Every structure is written in structure tokens, then in C-alpha cells.
């Protein structure tokens, strides 16, 4: 059985030390979290931010995200 989930989720990429917001994405609440990590990190890298490590909950730890080399 499926359940209806209303609303949206935000995905925020910040610098751990300065807390500067580096990227934001919004997705429907029923979408998985994992696919949002790679585009946020890629956009930060394109803007000249050297991303060497990413911390997040396990929803962002899918195989595709790990292959991204973050």
C-alpha cells in the first residue's frame, strides 16, 4: 500500500566551518534524497568551492552519490 505524502523537502549544502550556504534544492516530499547530493556538490565545485568531504544522513549515501567521489 502506498501513502500520499504532501509537501516538499529542502536539501542544503553548507560549509561545515563557516556555515555558508553553498547550494539549495527543493524536491517533492515523496522523492528520494540521494540523487540531490551530487548536483549540489557539482554546482559548488563549478563555483570554485573545493569540496573534499560530504556529511549527510544515510538517505544521501546511495551508490551513485558515493561513486561521485565526494
C-alpha atoms as a PDB file:
ATOM      1  CA  UNK A   1       0.000   0.000   0.000  1.00  0.00           C
ATOM      2  CA  UNK A   2       1.221   3.476  -0.799  1.00  0.00           C
ATOM      3  CA  UNK A   3       0.657   6.556   1.276  1.00  0.00           C
ATOM      4  CA  UNK A   4       0.177  10.060  -0.028  1.00  0.00           C
ATOM      5  CA  UNK A   5       2.888  12.462   1.096  1.00  0.00           C
ATOM      6  CA  UNK A   6       2.207  16.156   0.647  1.00  0.00           C
ATOM      7  CA  UNK A   7       4.790  18.910   0.726  1.00  0.00           C
ATOM      8  CA  UNK A   8       8.404  19.445  -0.173  1.00  0.00           C
ATOM      9  CA  UNK A   9      11.874  18.809   1.224  1.00  0.00           C
ATOM     10  CA  UNK A  10      14.837  21.128   1.094  1.00  0.00           C
ATOM     11  CA  UNK A  11      18.391  19.928   0.552  1.00  0.00           C
ATOM     12  CA  UNK A  12      21.010  22.406   1.749  1.00  0.00           C
ATOM     13  CA  UNK A  13      24.763  22.221   1.161  1.00  0.00           C
ATOM     14  CA  UNK A  14      26.745  24.309   3.651  1.00  0.00           C
ATOM     15  CA  UNK A  15      30.372  24.786   4.539  1.00  0.00           C
ATOM     16  CA  UNK A  16      30.988  22.938   7.801  1.00  0.00           C
ATOM     17  CA  UNK A  17      33.249  25.598   9.284  1.00  0.00           C
ATOM     18  CA  UNK A  18      31.671  28.867   8.146  1.00  0.00           C
ATOM     19  CA  UNK A  19      28.057  27.627   7.778  1.00  0.00           C
ATOM     20  CA  UNK A  20      27.944  29.498   4.467  1.00  0.00           C
ATOM     21  CA  UNK A  21      25.145  28.139   2.267  1.00  0.00           C
ATOM     22  CA  UNK A  22      26.669  26.751  -0.935  1.00  0.00           C
ATOM     23  CA  UNK A  23      23.577  25.289  -2.555  1.00  0.00           C
ATOM     24  CA  UNK A  24      19.866  24.649  -2.079  1.00  0.00           C
ATOM     25  CA  UNK A  25      17.400  22.349  -3.820  1.00  0.00           C
ATOM     26  CA  UNK A  26      13.711  21.653  -3.198  1.00  0.00           C
ATOM     27  CA  UNK A  27      12.031  18.391  -4.145  1.00  0.00           C
ATOM     28  CA  UNK A  28       8.612  16.809  -3.641  1.00  0.00           C
ATOM     29  CA  UNK A  29       8.422  15.065  -0.266  1.00  0.00           C
ATOM     30  CA  UNK A  30       7.976  11.652  -1.875  1.00  0.00           C
ATOM     31  CA  UNK A  31      11.203  11.842  -3.929  1.00  0.00           C
ATOM     32  CA  UNK A  32      14.326  10.073  -2.644  1.00  0.00           C
ATOM     33  CA  UNK A  33      17.081  12.224  -1.111  1.00  0.00           C
ATOM     34  CA  UNK A  34      20.158  10.550  -2.608  1.00  0.00           C
ATOM     35  CA  UNK A  35      20.017  11.951  -6.139  1.00  0.00           C
ATOM     36  CA  UNK A  36      20.084  15.544  -4.836  1.00  0.00           C
ATOM     37  CA  UNK A  37      23.566  15.375  -3.309  1.00  0.00           C
ATOM     38  CA  UNK A  38      25.643  15.057  -6.483  1.00  0.00           C
ATOM     39  CA  UNK A  39      24.147  18.083  -8.312  1.00  0.00           C
ATOM     40  CA  UNK A  40      24.568  20.312  -5.235  1.00  0.00           C
ATOM     41  CA  UNK A  41      28.216  19.322  -4.846  1.00  0.00           C
ATOM     42  CA  UNK A  42      28.859  19.664  -8.588  1.00  0.00           C
ATOM     43  CA  UNK A  43      27.399  23.189  -8.577  1.00  0.00           C
ATOM     44  CA  UNK A  44      29.584  24.166  -5.607  1.00  0.00           C
ATOM     45  CA  UNK A  45      32.673  22.786  -7.366  1.00  0.00           C
ATOM     46  CA  UNK A  46      31.766  24.662 -10.544  1.00  0.00           C
ATOM     47  CA  UNK A  47      31.570  27.848  -8.463  1.00  0.00           C
ATOM     48  CA  UNK A  48      35.153  27.238  -7.310  1.00  0.00           C
ATOM     49  CA  UNK A  49      34.495  25.617  -3.927  1.00  0.00           C
ATOM     50  CA  UNK A  50      36.869  22.721  -3.200  1.00  0.00           C
ATOM     51  CA  UNK A  51      34.530  20.033  -1.839  1.00  0.00           C
ATOM     52  CA  UNK A  52      36.616  17.250  -0.293  1.00  0.00           C
ATOM     53  CA  UNK A  53      34.117  15.641   2.050  1.00  0.00           C
ATOM     54  CA  UNK A  54      30.364  15.471   2.422  1.00  0.00           C
ATOM     55  CA  UNK A  55      28.433  14.728   5.602  1.00  0.00           C
ATOM     56  CA  UNK A  56      24.756  13.815   5.499  1.00  0.00           C
ATOM     57  CA  UNK A  57      22.258  11.314   6.766  1.00  0.00           C
ATOM     58  CA  UNK A  58      22.130   7.832   5.267  1.00  0.00           C
ATOM     59  CA  UNK A  59      19.466   8.831   2.740  1.00  0.00           C
ATOM     60  CA  UNK A  60      22.271  10.550   0.790  1.00  0.00           C
ATOM     61  CA  UNK A  61      24.555   7.516   0.926  1.00  0.00           C
ATOM     62  CA  UNK A  62      23.340   5.673  -2.145  1.00  0.00           C
ATOM     63  CA  UNK A  63      25.798   4.107  -4.564  1.00  0.00           C
ATOM     64  CA  UNK A  64      25.544   6.841  -7.192  1.00  0.00           C
ATOM     65  CA  UNK A  65      26.424   9.512  -4.642  1.00  0.00           C
ATOM     66  CA  UNK A  66      29.412   7.529  -3.376  1.00  0.00           C
ATOM     67  CA  UNK A  67      30.695   6.989  -6.910  1.00  0.00           C
ATOM     68  CA  UNK A  68      30.736  10.785  -7.319  1.00  0.00           C
ATOM     69  CA  UNK A  69      33.922  10.838  -5.255  1.00  0.00           C
ATOM     70  CA  UNK A  70      32.787  13.240  -2.571  1.00  0.00           C
END
